[in-house]
Amino acid sequence: MKGQILSVLVSFIFFPNHFTEKNNPAPAKENMEAVHTTINYAELVYNDLHLATIGLSENAFEYAYKGYQYLLKKEKLNNPGVLSICDLSQSSGKKRFYILDLANEKVLMTSYVAHGKGSGSEYATHFSNKANSHQSSLGFYVTGSTYYGEHGLSLKLKGLETGFNDHAVNRNIVVHGAGYIGNNYLDGNKVMGRSYGCPAVPQKESGEIINLIKDGTCLFVYHPTKTYLHKSKILND
Protein backbone atom coordinates (compact mmCIF):
# COMPACT_ATOMS: atom_id res chain seq x y z
CA MET A 1 0.00 0.00 0.00
CA LYS A 2 3.00 2.30 -0.41
CA GLY A 3 1.84 5.73 -1.44
CA GLN A 4 -1.82 4.91 -0.75
CA ILE A 5 -2.10 6.75 2.56
CA LEU A 6 -0.65 9.97 1.16
CA SER A 7 -2.93 9.90 -1.89
CA VAL A 8 -5.96 9.14 0.25
CA LEU A 9 -4.98 11.87 2.71
CA VAL A 10 -4.78 14.46 -0.07
CA SER A 11 -8.15 13.33 -1.43
CA PHE A 12 -9.67 13.33 2.05
CA ILE A 13 -8.57 16.89 2.79
CA PHE A 14 -9.71 18.38 -0.49
CA PHE A 15 -12.56 16.02 -1.48
CA PRO A 16 -14.03 14.74 1.82
CA ASN A 17 -17.38 13.78 0.27
CA HIS A 18 -15.61 11.13 -1.79
CA PHE A 19 -15.21 9.08 1.39
CA THR A 20 -18.81 9.32 2.67
CA GLU A 21 -20.45 5.94 2.99
CA LYS A 22 -23.06 5.41 0.29
CA ASN A 23 -25.56 3.83 2.67
CA ASN A 24 -25.31 6.42 5.41
CA PRO A 25 -28.64 6.18 7.30
CA ALA A 26 -28.72 9.94 7.91
CA PRO A 27 -27.03 11.65 4.94
CA ALA A 28 -28.36 15.06 5.91
CA LYS A 29 -26.32 15.06 9.11
CA GLU A 30 -23.03 16.33 7.72
CA ASN A 31 -21.29 16.30 11.07
CA MET A 32 -22.01 12.59 11.54
CA GLU A 33 -20.71 11.85 8.04
CA ALA A 34 -17.51 13.67 8.84
CA VAL A 35 -17.06 11.66 12.04
CA HIS A 36 -17.57 8.34 10.25
CA THR A 37 -15.23 9.41 7.45
CA THR A 38 -12.47 10.34 9.88
CA ILE A 39 -12.82 7.10 11.85
CA ASN A 40 -12.76 4.99 8.67
CA TYR A 41 -9.62 6.68 7.41
CA ALA A 42 -7.99 6.52 10.84
CA GLU A 43 -8.53 2.75 10.79
CA LEU A 44 -6.82 2.56 7.39
CA VAL A 45 -3.79 4.49 8.63
CA TYR A 46 -3.66 2.54 11.90
CA ASN A 47 -3.57 -0.79 10.10
CA ASP A 48 -1.23 0.29 7.32
CA LEU A 49 1.38 1.61 9.75
CA HIS A 50 0.99 -1.51 11.97
CA LEU A 51 0.52 0.69 15.03
CA ALA A 52 -0.87 -2.17 17.11
CA THR A 53 2.51 -3.89 16.93
CA ILE A 54 4.23 -0.94 18.64
CA GLY A 55 1.65 -0.73 21.42
CA LEU A 56 -0.53 2.19 20.32
CA SER A 57 -4.22 1.43 20.84
CA GLU A 58 -6.68 2.04 18.03
CA ASN A 59 -8.86 4.19 20.30
CA ALA A 60 -5.97 6.49 21.16
CA PHE A 61 -5.04 6.85 17.51
CA GLU A 62 -8.61 7.53 16.38
CA TYR A 63 -8.99 10.36 18.88
CA ALA A 64 -5.58 11.73 17.92
CA TYR A 65 -6.36 11.58 14.24
CA LYS A 66 -9.76 13.25 14.64
CA GLY A 67 -8.20 16.18 16.49
CA TYR A 68 -5.34 16.32 14.00
CA GLN A 69 -7.82 16.70 11.15
CA TYR A 70 -9.63 19.44 13.05
CA LEU A 71 -6.39 21.37 13.53
CA LEU A 72 -5.50 20.93 9.87
CA LYS A 73 -8.81 22.46 8.82
CA LYS A 74 -8.36 25.33 11.27
CA GLU A 75 -4.84 25.88 9.86
CA LYS A 76 -3.24 25.61 13.30
CA LEU A 77 -0.29 23.48 12.17
CA ASN A 78 2.75 24.89 10.39
CA ASN A 79 4.23 21.40 10.01
CA PRO A 80 1.19 19.21 9.35
CA GLY A 81 2.87 15.98 8.32
CA VAL A 82 3.87 14.94 11.85
CA LEU A 83 1.54 13.68 14.59
CA SER A 84 2.84 12.79 18.06
CA ILE A 85 0.86 10.91 20.70
CA CYS A 86 1.59 10.50 24.41
CA ASP A 87 -0.63 7.63 25.54
CA LEU A 88 -0.89 8.12 29.29
CA SER A 89 -3.30 5.22 29.65
CA GLN A 90 -0.24 2.98 29.56
CA SER A 91 2.31 2.24 32.26
CA SER A 92 5.18 4.71 32.44
CA GLY A 93 7.41 1.68 31.99
CA LYS A 94 6.20 1.32 28.40
CA LYS A 95 7.35 3.26 25.37
CA ARG A 96 4.16 5.28 25.15
CA PHE A 97 5.37 8.29 23.13
CA TYR A 98 4.76 7.80 19.40
CA ILE A 99 6.00 10.10 16.63
CA LEU A 100 4.31 9.46 13.29
CA ASP A 101 5.08 10.93 9.89
CA LEU A 102 1.70 10.67 8.17
CA ALA A 103 2.87 12.39 5.00
CA ASN A 104 5.57 9.79 4.37
CA GLU A 105 3.83 6.80 5.96
CA LYS A 106 6.40 6.19 8.68
CA VAL A 107 6.70 5.63 12.38
CA LEU A 108 9.57 7.96 13.12
CA MET A 109 10.19 7.00 16.72
CA THR A 110 8.80 5.52 19.92
CA SER A 111 10.10 6.45 23.34
CA TYR A 112 9.36 6.72 27.03
CA VAL A 113 7.61 9.80 28.39
CA ALA A 114 7.02 10.92 31.96
CA HIS A 115 3.79 12.13 33.50
CA GLY A 116 3.45 14.59 36.36
CA LYS A 117 4.13 13.65 39.99
CA GLY A 118 0.63 14.72 40.93
CA SER A 119 -0.93 12.51 38.27
CA GLY A 120 0.03 9.17 39.78
CA SER A 121 2.85 6.70 40.25
CA GLU A 122 3.29 4.03 37.56
CA TYR A 123 0.01 5.00 35.91
CA ALA A 124 -1.37 8.50 35.43
CA THR A 125 -4.88 8.81 36.85
CA HIS A 126 -5.32 12.50 37.69
CA PHE A 127 -4.92 15.50 35.38
CA SER A 128 -5.01 19.24 35.84
CA ASN A 129 -4.59 22.55 34.06
CA LYS A 130 -3.70 24.38 37.29
CA ALA A 131 -0.37 25.87 38.25
CA ASN A 132 1.60 24.00 40.94
CA SER A 133 -0.59 20.91 40.58
CA HIS A 134 2.40 18.96 39.21
CA GLN A 135 -0.12 17.07 37.10
CA SER A 136 -0.13 16.35 33.38
CA SER A 137 -2.65 18.12 31.16
CA LEU A 138 -4.63 16.23 28.55
CA GLY A 139 -5.48 17.33 25.04
CA PHE A 140 -4.04 18.79 21.88
CA TYR A 141 -0.98 21.00 21.70
CA VAL A 142 0.92 22.65 18.89
CA THR A 143 4.69 22.61 19.27
CA GLY A 144 6.63 25.85 19.22
CA SER A 145 10.26 26.89 19.12
CA THR A 146 13.21 25.43 20.98
CA TYR A 147 15.34 26.99 23.68
CA TYR A 148 18.07 26.01 26.13
CA GLY A 149 17.00 25.87 29.79
CA GLU A 150 17.89 24.03 32.96
CA HIS A 151 17.27 20.69 31.20
CA GLY A 152 19.22 21.62 28.08
CA LEU A 153 17.44 21.71 24.75
CA SER A 154 13.71 22.10 25.38
CA LEU A 155 10.59 22.61 23.29
CA LYS A 156 7.78 25.07 24.00
CA LEU A 157 4.20 23.83 23.86
CA LYS A 158 0.95 25.75 23.36
CA GLY A 159 -2.14 24.07 24.78
CA LEU A 160 -5.14 24.49 22.50
CA GLU A 161 -7.94 23.32 24.80
CA THR A 162 -9.60 25.76 27.17
CA GLY A 163 -9.94 24.31 30.64
CA PHE A 164 -7.71 21.34 29.90
CA ASN A 165 -4.27 22.54 28.81
CA ASP A 166 -4.47 26.23 27.85
CA HIS A 167 -2.33 27.21 30.87
CA ALA A 168 0.61 25.21 29.54
CA VAL A 169 2.67 28.29 28.69
CA ASN A 170 2.17 29.88 32.11
CA ARG A 171 2.92 26.54 33.80
CA ASN A 172 6.12 26.15 31.74
CA ILE A 173 4.93 22.81 30.37
CA VAL A 174 7.55 21.86 27.78
CA VAL A 175 9.20 18.82 26.22
CA HIS A 176 12.63 18.31 27.75
CA GLY A 177 15.10 15.57 28.51
CA ALA A 178 15.48 14.09 31.99
CA GLY A 179 17.59 11.48 33.71
CA TYR A 180 14.57 10.08 35.57
CA ILE A 181 12.97 8.59 32.46
CA GLY A 182 14.34 5.79 30.28
CA ASN A 183 15.82 2.30 30.41
CA ASN A 184 18.75 3.25 32.63
CA TYR A 185 16.49 4.72 35.29
CA LEU A 186 14.11 1.78 35.24
CA ASP A 187 17.00 -0.65 35.76
CA GLY A 188 17.46 0.67 39.28
CA ASN A 189 13.94 1.72 40.18
CA LYS A 190 10.54 0.06 40.40
CA VAL A 191 8.78 2.76 38.36
CA MET A 192 9.84 5.62 36.14
CA GLY A 193 10.49 9.04 37.58
CA ARG A 194 7.94 11.78 37.15
CA SER A 195 7.97 15.43 36.17
CA TYR A 196 6.20 18.57 37.38
CA GLY A 197 3.71 18.06 34.56
CA CYS A 198 5.98 18.18 31.53
CA PRO A 199 6.11 15.35 28.98
CA ALA A 200 9.76 14.68 29.80
CA VAL A 201 11.66 12.21 27.62
CA PRO A 202 14.95 10.31 28.01
CA GLN A 203 17.88 12.72 28.05
CA LYS A 204 19.83 10.79 25.42
CA GLU A 205 16.89 10.90 22.99
CA SER A 206 15.60 14.37 23.78
CA GLY A 207 17.49 16.16 21.01
CA GLU A 208 16.26 13.78 18.34
CA ILE A 209 12.67 13.87 19.61
CA ILE A 210 12.55 17.65 19.88
CA ASN A 211 13.97 18.18 16.42
CA LEU A 212 11.44 15.76 14.92
CA ILE A 213 8.39 17.52 16.38
CA LYS A 214 9.36 21.20 16.74
CA ASP A 215 7.94 24.22 14.91
CA GLY A 216 4.23 23.63 14.51
CA THR A 217 3.42 19.92 14.73
CA CYS A 218 0.48 18.34 16.54
CA LEU A 219 1.03 16.72 19.95
CA PHE A 220 -1.82 14.82 21.63
CA VAL A 221 -1.69 13.79 25.29
CA TYR A 222 -4.25 11.01 25.68
CA HIS A 223 -6.04 9.26 28.52
CA PRO A 224 -9.56 7.76 28.37
CA THR A 225 -10.86 10.17 31.01
CA LYS A 226 -14.56 10.68 30.28
CA THR A 227 -14.57 14.32 31.39
CA TYR A 228 -11.99 15.17 28.75
CA LEU A 229 -13.36 12.96 25.97
CA HIS A 230 -16.90 14.29 26.41
CA LYS A 231 -16.03 17.97 26.86
CA SER A 232 -13.13 18.52 24.50
CA LYS A 233 -14.33 20.99 21.87
CA ILE A 234 -11.76 19.67 19.42
CA LEU A 235 -12.98 16.09 19.71
CA ASN A 236 -16.66 17.03 19.76
CA ASP A 237 -16.74 19.71 17.10
C-alpha atoms as a PDB file:
ATOM      1  CA  MET A   1       0.000   0.000   0.000  1.00  0.00           C
ATOM      2  CA  LYS A   2       2.997   2.302  -0.406  1.00  0.00           C
ATOM      3  CA  GLY A   3       1.845   5.725  -1.439  1.00  0.00           C
ATOM      4  CA  GLN A   4      -1.817   4.913  -0.747  1.00  0.00           C
ATOM      5  CA  ILE A   5      -2.098   6.751   2.564  1.00  0.00           C
ATOM      6  CA  LEU A   6      -0.645   9.975   1.159  1.00  0.00           C
ATOM      7  CA  SER A   7      -2.926   9.901  -1.892  1.00  0.00           C
ATOM      8  CA  VAL A   8      -5.962   9.137   0.247  1.00  0.00           C
ATOM      9  CA  LEU A   9      -4.983  11.865   2.705  1.00  0.00           C
ATOM     10  CA  VAL A  10      -4.784  14.461  -0.072  1.00  0.00           C
ATOM     11  CA  SER A  11      -8.145  13.333  -1.430  1.00  0.00           C
ATOM     12  CA  PHE A  12      -9.674  13.329   2.045  1.00  0.00           C
ATOM     13  CA  ILE A  13      -8.573  16.892   2.794  1.00  0.00           C
ATOM     14  CA  PHE A  14      -9.710  18.376  -0.488  1.00  0.00           C
ATOM     15  CA  PHE A  15     -12.558  16.021  -1.482  1.00  0.00           C
ATOM     16  CA  PRO A  16     -14.026  14.738   1.818  1.00  0.00           C
ATOM     17  CA  ASN A  17     -17.377  13.781   0.267  1.00  0.00           C
ATOM     18  CA  HIS A  18     -15.615  11.128  -1.789  1.00  0.00           C
ATOM     19  CA  PHE A  19     -15.215   9.081   1.392  1.00  0.00           C
ATOM     20  CA  THR A  20     -18.806   9.325   2.665  1.00  0.00           C
ATOM     21  CA  GLU A  21     -20.451   5.937   2.989  1.00  0.00           C
ATOM     22  CA  LYS A  22     -23.055   5.406   0.291  1.00  0.00           C
ATOM     23  CA  ASN A  23     -25.560   3.831   2.667  1.00  0.00           C
ATOM     24  CA  ASN A  24     -25.312   6.419   5.411  1.00  0.00           C
ATOM     25  CA  PRO A  25     -28.641   6.180   7.300  1.00  0.00           C
ATOM     26  CA  ALA A  26     -28.720   9.938   7.913  1.00  0.00           C
ATOM     27  CA  PRO A  27     -27.033  11.646   4.937  1.00  0.00           C
ATOM     28  CA  ALA A  28     -28.358  15.060   5.912  1.00  0.00           C
ATOM     29  CA  LYS A  29     -26.316  15.056   9.108  1.00  0.00           C
ATOM     30  CA  GLU A  30     -23.028  16.325   7.718  1.00  0.00           C
ATOM     31  CA  ASN A  31     -21.290  16.303  11.074  1.00  0.00           C
ATOM     32  CA  MET A  32     -22.009  12.588  11.539  1.00  0.00           C
ATOM     33  CA  GLU A  33     -20.714  11.847   8.040  1.00  0.00           C
ATOM     34  CA  ALA A  34     -17.509  13.675   8.839  1.00  0.00           C
ATOM     35  CA  VAL A  35     -17.060  11.658  12.044  1.00  0.00           C
ATOM     36  CA  HIS A  36     -17.567   8.337  10.247  1.00  0.00           C
ATOM     37  CA  THR A  37     -15.225   9.408   7.452  1.00  0.00           C
ATOM     38  CA  THR A  38     -12.472  10.340   9.885  1.00  0.00           C
ATOM     39  CA  ILE A  39     -12.821   7.101  11.847  1.00  0.00           C
ATOM     40  CA  ASN A  40     -12.764   4.990   8.669  1.00  0.00           C
ATOM     41  CA  TYR A  41      -9.625   6.683   7.413  1.00  0.00           C
ATOM     42  CA  ALA A  42      -7.993   6.516  10.845  1.00  0.00           C
ATOM     43  CA  GLU A  43      -8.526   2.753  10.794  1.00  0.00           C
ATOM     44  CA  LEU A  44      -6.822   2.559   7.393  1.00  0.00           C
ATOM     45  CA  VAL A  45      -3.791   4.489   8.632  1.00  0.00           C
ATOM     46  CA  TYR A  46      -3.660   2.541  11.903  1.00  0.00           C
ATOM     47  CA  ASN A  47      -3.566  -0.793  10.098  1.00  0.00           C
ATOM     48  CA  ASP A  48      -1.225   0.290   7.323  1.00  0.00           C
ATOM     49  CA  LEU A  49       1.382   1.611   9.754  1.00  0.00           C
ATOM     50  CA  HIS A  50       0.985  -1.508  11.973  1.00  0.00           C
ATOM     51  CA  LEU A  51       0.524   0.688  15.029  1.00  0.00           C
ATOM     52  CA  ALA A  52      -0.875  -2.166  17.108  1.00  0.00           C
ATOM     53  CA  THR A  53       2.511  -3.890  16.934  1.00  0.00           C
ATOM     54  CA  ILE A  54       4.225  -0.944  18.636  1.00  0.00           C
ATOM     55  CA  GLY A  55       1.650  -0.731  21.416  1.00  0.00           C
ATOM     56  CA  LEU A  56      -0.534   2.187  20.317  1.00  0.00           C
ATOM     57  CA  SER A  57      -4.217   1.425  20.838  1.00  0.00           C
ATOM     58  CA  GLU A  58      -6.676   2.041  18.033  1.00  0.00           C
ATOM     59  CA  ASN A  59      -8.861   4.188  20.297  1.00  0.00           C
ATOM     60  CA  ALA A  60      -5.970   6.490  21.165  1.00  0.00           C
ATOM     61  CA  PHE A  61      -5.042   6.852  17.509  1.00  0.00           C
ATOM     62  CA  GLU A  62      -8.607   7.534  16.381  1.00  0.00           C
ATOM     63  CA  TYR A  63      -8.987  10.365  18.884  1.00  0.00           C
ATOM     64  CA  ALA A  64      -5.578  11.730  17.923  1.00  0.00           C
ATOM     65  CA  TYR A  65      -6.364  11.579  14.236  1.00  0.00           C
ATOM     66  CA  LYS A  66      -9.761  13.250  14.639  1.00  0.00           C
ATOM     67  CA  GLY A  67      -8.195  16.178  16.488  1.00  0.00           C
ATOM     68  CA  TYR A  68      -5.337  16.315  14.000  1.00  0.00           C
ATOM     69  CA  GLN A  69      -7.823  16.697  11.148  1.00  0.00           C
ATOM     70  CA  TYR A  70      -9.633  19.443  13.054  1.00  0.00           C
ATOM     71  CA  LEU A  71      -6.388  21.370  13.530  1.00  0.00           C
ATOM     72  CA  LEU A  72      -5.504  20.928   9.873  1.00  0.00           C
ATOM     73  CA  LYS A  73      -8.815  22.460   8.815  1.00  0.00           C
ATOM     74  CA  LYS A  74      -8.356  25.326  11.266  1.00  0.00           C
ATOM     75  CA  GLU A  75      -4.838  25.880   9.865  1.00  0.00           C
ATOM     76  CA  LYS A  76      -3.245  25.605  13.296  1.00  0.00           C
ATOM     77  CA  LEU A  77      -0.293  23.476  12.170  1.00  0.00           C
ATOM     78  CA  ASN A  78       2.750  24.888  10.390  1.00  0.00           C
ATOM     79  CA  ASN A  79       4.233  21.403  10.013  1.00  0.00           C
ATOM     80  CA  PRO A  80       1.189  19.213   9.345  1.00  0.00           C
ATOM     81  CA  GLY A  81       2.873  15.982   8.323  1.00  0.00           C
ATOM     82  CA  VAL A  82       3.874  14.935  11.846  1.00  0.00           C
ATOM     83  CA  LEU A  83       1.535  13.682  14.590  1.00  0.00           C
ATOM     84  CA  SER A  84       2.840  12.792  18.064  1.00  0.00           C
ATOM     85  CA  ILE A  85       0.859  10.914  20.697  1.00  0.00           C
ATOM     86  CA  CYS A  86       1.587  10.501  24.414  1.00  0.00           C
ATOM     87  CA  ASP A  87      -0.627   7.634  25.545  1.00  0.00           C
ATOM     88  CA  LEU A  88      -0.894   8.124  29.291  1.00  0.00           C
ATOM     89  CA  SER A  89      -3.304   5.217  29.647  1.00  0.00           C
ATOM     90  CA  GLN A  90      -0.237   2.979  29.559  1.00  0.00           C
ATOM     91  CA  SER A  91       2.309   2.243  32.264  1.00  0.00           C
ATOM     92  CA  SER A  92       5.180   4.712  32.436  1.00  0.00           C
ATOM     93  CA  GLY A  93       7.411   1.676  31.991  1.00  0.00           C
ATOM     94  CA  LYS A  94       6.198   1.318  28.401  1.00  0.00           C
ATOM     95  CA  LYS A  95       7.345   3.261  25.370  1.00  0.00           C
ATOM     96  CA  ARG A  96       4.163   5.280  25.149  1.00  0.00           C
ATOM     97  CA  PHE A  97       5.372   8.291  23.128  1.00  0.00           C
ATOM     98  CA  TYR A  98       4.758   7.803  19.397  1.00  0.00           C
ATOM     99  CA  ILE A  99       6.004  10.097  16.632  1.00  0.00           C
ATOM    100  CA  LEU A 100       4.307   9.463  13.292  1.00  0.00           C
ATOM    101  CA  ASP A 101       5.076  10.927   9.887  1.00  0.00           C
ATOM    102  CA  LEU A 102       1.699  10.666   8.171  1.00  0.00           C
ATOM    103  CA  ALA A 103       2.875  12.388   5.002  1.00  0.00           C
ATOM    104  CA  ASN A 104       5.572   9.786   4.368  1.00  0.00           C
ATOM    105  CA  GLU A 105       3.826   6.799   5.962  1.00  0.00           C
ATOM    106  CA  LYS A 106       6.404   6.192   8.679  1.00  0.00           C
ATOM    107  CA  VAL A 107       6.705   5.627  12.383  1.00  0.00           C
ATOM    108  CA  LEU A 108       9.572   7.965  13.123  1.00  0.00           C
ATOM    109  CA  MET A 109      10.190   7.000  16.719  1.00  0.00           C
ATOM    110  CA  THR A 110       8.803   5.519  19.921  1.00  0.00           C
ATOM    111  CA  SER A 111      10.103   6.446  23.344  1.00  0.00           C
ATOM    112  CA  TYR A 112       9.363   6.720  27.025  1.00  0.00           C
ATOM    113  CA  VAL A 113       7.607   9.799  28.395  1.00  0.00           C
ATOM    114  CA  ALA A 114       7.023  10.923  31.960  1.00  0.00           C
ATOM    115  CA  HIS A 115       3.789  12.131  33.502  1.00  0.00           C
ATOM    116  CA  GLY A 116       3.452  14.588  36.361  1.00  0.00           C
ATOM    117  CA  LYS A 117       4.129  13.649  39.986  1.00  0.00           C
ATOM    118  CA  GLY A 118       0.630  14.719  40.928  1.00  0.00           C
ATOM    119  CA  SER A 119      -0.926  12.510  38.274  1.00  0.00           C
ATOM    120  CA  GLY A 120       0.032   9.171  39.783  1.00  0.00           C
ATOM    121  CA  SER A 121       2.850   6.696  40.253  1.00  0.00           C
ATOM    122  CA  GLU A 122       3.294   4.032  37.555  1.00  0.00           C
ATOM    123  CA  TYR A 123       0.011   5.002  35.915  1.00  0.00           C
ATOM    124  CA  ALA A 124      -1.371   8.498  35.433  1.00  0.00           C
ATOM    125  CA  THR A 125      -4.878   8.808  36.853  1.00  0.00           C
ATOM    126  CA  HIS A 126      -5.317  12.503  37.687  1.00  0.00           C
ATOM    127  CA  PHE A 127      -4.925  15.498  35.379  1.00  0.00           C
ATOM    128  CA  SER A 128      -5.009  19.239  35.837  1.00  0.00           C
ATOM    129  CA  ASN A 129      -4.589  22.553  34.056  1.00  0.00           C
ATOM    130  CA  LYS A 130      -3.702  24.376  37.291  1.00  0.00           C
ATOM    131  CA  ALA A 131      -0.367  25.870  38.253  1.00  0.00           C
ATOM    132  CA  ASN A 132       1.601  23.999  40.941  1.00  0.00           C
ATOM    133  CA  SER A 133      -0.592  20.911  40.577  1.00  0.00           C
ATOM    134  CA  HIS A 134       2.395  18.965  39.207  1.00  0.00           C
ATOM    135  CA  GLN A 135      -0.122  17.074  37.095  1.00  0.00           C
ATOM    136  CA  SER A 136      -0.133  16.351  33.379  1.00  0.00           C
ATOM    137  CA  SER A 137      -2.650  18.121  31.160  1.00  0.00           C
ATOM    138  CA  LEU A 138      -4.634  16.230  28.547  1.00  0.00           C
ATOM    139  CA  GLY A 139      -5.484  17.331  25.043  1.00  0.00           C
ATOM    140  CA  PHE A 140      -4.043  18.791  21.884  1.00  0.00           C
ATOM    141  CA  TYR A 141      -0.981  20.997  21.696  1.00  0.00           C
ATOM    142  CA  VAL A 142       0.915  22.654  18.894  1.00  0.00           C
ATOM    143  CA  THR A 143       4.689  22.612  19.274  1.00  0.00           C
ATOM    144  CA  GLY A 144       6.629  25.848  19.218  1.00  0.00           C
ATOM    145  CA  SER A 145      10.258  26.888  19.124  1.00  0.00           C
ATOM    146  CA  THR A 146      13.214  25.426  20.982  1.00  0.00           C
ATOM    147  CA  TYR A 147      15.344  26.990  23.683  1.00  0.00           C
ATOM    148  CA  TYR A 148      18.073  26.010  26.134  1.00  0.00           C
ATOM    149  CA  GLY A 149      17.003  25.875  29.786  1.00  0.00           C
ATOM    150  CA  GLU A 150      17.890  24.031  32.963  1.00  0.00           C
ATOM    151  CA  HIS A 151      17.266  20.691  31.200  1.00  0.00           C
ATOM    152  CA  GLY A 152      19.217  21.619  28.084  1.00  0.00           C
ATOM    153  CA  LEU A 153      17.442  21.708  24.749  1.00  0.00           C
ATOM    154  CA  SER A 154      13.711  22.103  25.376  1.00  0.00           C
ATOM    155  CA  LEU A 155      10.593  22.610  23.295  1.00  0.00           C
ATOM    156  CA  LYS A 156       7.784  25.069  23.999  1.00  0.00           C
ATOM    157  CA  LEU A 157       4.198  23.829  23.856  1.00  0.00           C
ATOM    158  CA  LYS A 158       0.953  25.745  23.361  1.00  0.00           C
ATOM    159  CA  GLY A 159      -2.139  24.066  24.784  1.00  0.00           C
ATOM    160  CA  LEU A 160      -5.140  24.487  22.497  1.00  0.00           C
ATOM    161  CA  GLU A 161      -7.940  23.317  24.798  1.00  0.00           C
ATOM    162  CA  THR A 162      -9.600  25.760  27.168  1.00  0.00           C
ATOM    163  CA  GLY A 163      -9.937  24.308  30.636  1.00  0.00           C
ATOM    164  CA  PHE A 164      -7.711  21.341  29.903  1.00  0.00           C
ATOM    165  CA  ASN A 165      -4.268  22.541  28.806  1.00  0.00           C
ATOM    166  CA  ASP A 166      -4.471  26.227  27.854  1.00  0.00           C
ATOM    167  CA  HIS A 167      -2.333  27.208  30.865  1.00  0.00           C
ATOM    168  CA  ALA A 168       0.609  25.212  29.544  1.00  0.00           C
ATOM    169  CA  VAL A 169       2.672  28.293  28.694  1.00  0.00           C
ATOM    170  CA  ASN A 170       2.169  29.876  32.114  1.00  0.00           C
ATOM    171  CA  ARG A 171       2.923  26.544  33.803  1.00  0.00           C
ATOM    172  CA  ASN A 172       6.120  26.146  31.740  1.00  0.00           C
ATOM    173  CA  ILE A 173       4.935  22.814  30.367  1.00  0.00           C
ATOM    174  CA  VAL A 174       7.548  21.860  27.775  1.00  0.00           C
ATOM    175  CA  VAL A 175       9.199  18.825  26.223  1.00  0.00           C
ATOM    176  CA  HIS A 176      12.632  18.313  27.755  1.00  0.00           C
ATOM    177  CA  GLY A 177      15.102  15.574  28.512  1.00  0.00           C
ATOM    178  CA  ALA A 178      15.478  14.087  31.988  1.00  0.00           C
ATOM    179  CA  GLY A 179      17.590  11.476  33.712  1.00  0.00           C
ATOM    180  CA  TYR A 180      14.572  10.084  35.567  1.00  0.00           C
ATOM    181  CA  ILE A 181      12.972   8.588  32.463  1.00  0.00           C
ATOM    182  CA  GLY A 182      14.342   5.785  30.277  1.00  0.00           C
ATOM    183  CA  ASN A 183      15.820   2.301  30.409  1.00  0.00           C
ATOM    184  CA  ASN A 184      18.748   3.247  32.629  1.00  0.00           C
ATOM    185  CA  TYR A 185      16.494   4.722  35.294  1.00  0.00           C
ATOM    186  CA  LEU A 186      14.106   1.779  35.238  1.00  0.00           C
ATOM    187  CA  ASP A 187      17.000  -0.647  35.761  1.00  0.00           C
ATOM    188  CA  GLY A 188      17.461   0.670  39.283  1.00  0.00           C
ATOM    189  CA  ASN A 189      13.936   1.721  40.183  1.00  0.00           C
ATOM    190  CA  LYS A 190      10.540   0.055  40.397  1.00  0.00           C
ATOM    191  CA  VAL A 191       8.780   2.760  38.362  1.00  0.00           C
ATOM    192  CA  MET A 192       9.844   5.619  36.137  1.00  0.00           C
ATOM    193  CA  GLY A 193      10.490   9.036  37.580  1.00  0.00           C
ATOM    194  CA  ARG A 194       7.938  11.780  37.147  1.00  0.00           C
ATOM    195  CA  SER A 195       7.971  15.434  36.174  1.00  0.00           C
ATOM    196  CA  TYR A 196       6.196  18.573  37.384  1.00  0.00           C
ATOM    197  CA  GLY A 197       3.708  18.062  34.563  1.00  0.00           C
ATOM    198  CA  CYS A 198       5.985  18.182  31.533  1.00  0.00           C
ATOM    199  CA  PRO A 199       6.109  15.345  28.985  1.00  0.00           C
ATOM    200  CA  ALA A 200       9.759  14.681  29.805  1.00  0.00           C
ATOM    201  CA  VAL A 201      11.659  12.213  27.620  1.00  0.00           C
ATOM    202  CA  PRO A 202      14.947  10.312  28.012  1.00  0.00           C
ATOM    203  CA  GLN A 203      17.880  12.718  28.050  1.00  0.00           C
ATOM    204  CA  LYS A 204      19.832  10.785  25.417  1.00  0.00           C
ATOM    205  CA  GLU A 205      16.885  10.898  22.992  1.00  0.00           C
ATOM    206  CA  SER A 206      15.598  14.368  23.780  1.00  0.00           C
ATOM    207  CA  GLY A 207      17.493  16.158  21.008  1.00  0.00           C
ATOM    208  CA  GLU A 208      16.256  13.783  18.339  1.00  0.00           C
ATOM    209  CA  ILE A 209      12.675  13.866  19.609  1.00  0.00           C
ATOM    210  CA  ILE A 210      12.550  17.651  19.883  1.00  0.00           C
ATOM    211  CA  ASN A 211      13.973  18.181  16.417  1.00  0.00           C
ATOM    212  CA  LEU A 212      11.436  15.762  14.919  1.00  0.00           C
ATOM    213  CA  ILE A 213       8.391  17.520  16.381  1.00  0.00           C
ATOM    214  CA  LYS A 214       9.362  21.199  16.744  1.00  0.00           C
ATOM    215  CA  ASP A 215       7.941  24.221  14.915  1.00  0.00           C
ATOM    216  CA  GLY A 216       4.230  23.629  14.515  1.00  0.00           C
ATOM    217  CA  THR A 217       3.420  19.918  14.725  1.00  0.00           C
ATOM    218  CA  CYS A 218       0.476  18.339  16.542  1.00  0.00           C
ATOM    219  CA  LEU A 219       1.025  16.715  19.946  1.00  0.00           C
ATOM    220  CA  PHE A 220      -1.818  14.825  21.633  1.00  0.00           C
ATOM    221  CA  VAL A 221      -1.689  13.788  25.291  1.00  0.00           C
ATOM    222  CA  TYR A 222      -4.253  11.011  25.682  1.00  0.00           C
ATOM    223  CA  HIS A 223      -6.039   9.264  28.521  1.00  0.00           C
ATOM    224  CA  PRO A 224      -9.563   7.758  28.372  1.00  0.00           C
ATOM    225  CA  THR A 225     -10.858  10.173  31.008  1.00  0.00           C
ATOM    226  CA  LYS A 226     -14.559  10.685  30.281  1.00  0.00           C
ATOM    227  CA  THR A 227     -14.573  14.318  31.394  1.00  0.00           C
ATOM    228  CA  TYR A 228     -11.995  15.171  28.746  1.00  0.00           C
ATOM    229  CA  LEU A 229     -13.359  12.957  25.972  1.00  0.00           C
ATOM    230  CA  HIS A 230     -16.901  14.287  26.407  1.00  0.00           C
ATOM    231  CA  LYS A 231     -16.029  17.969  26.860  1.00  0.00           C
ATOM    232  CA  SER A 232     -13.125  18.519  24.497  1.00  0.00           C
ATOM    233  CA  LYS A 233     -14.325  20.986  21.869  1.00  0.00           C
ATOM    234  CA  ILE A 234     -11.760  19.670  19.416  1.00  0.00           C
ATOM    235  CA  LEU A 235     -12.984  16.089  19.712  1.00  0.00           C
ATOM    236  CA  ASN A 236     -16.664  17.028  19.762  1.00  0.00           C
ATOM    237  CA  ASP A 237     -16.739  19.708  17.097  1.00  0.00           C
END
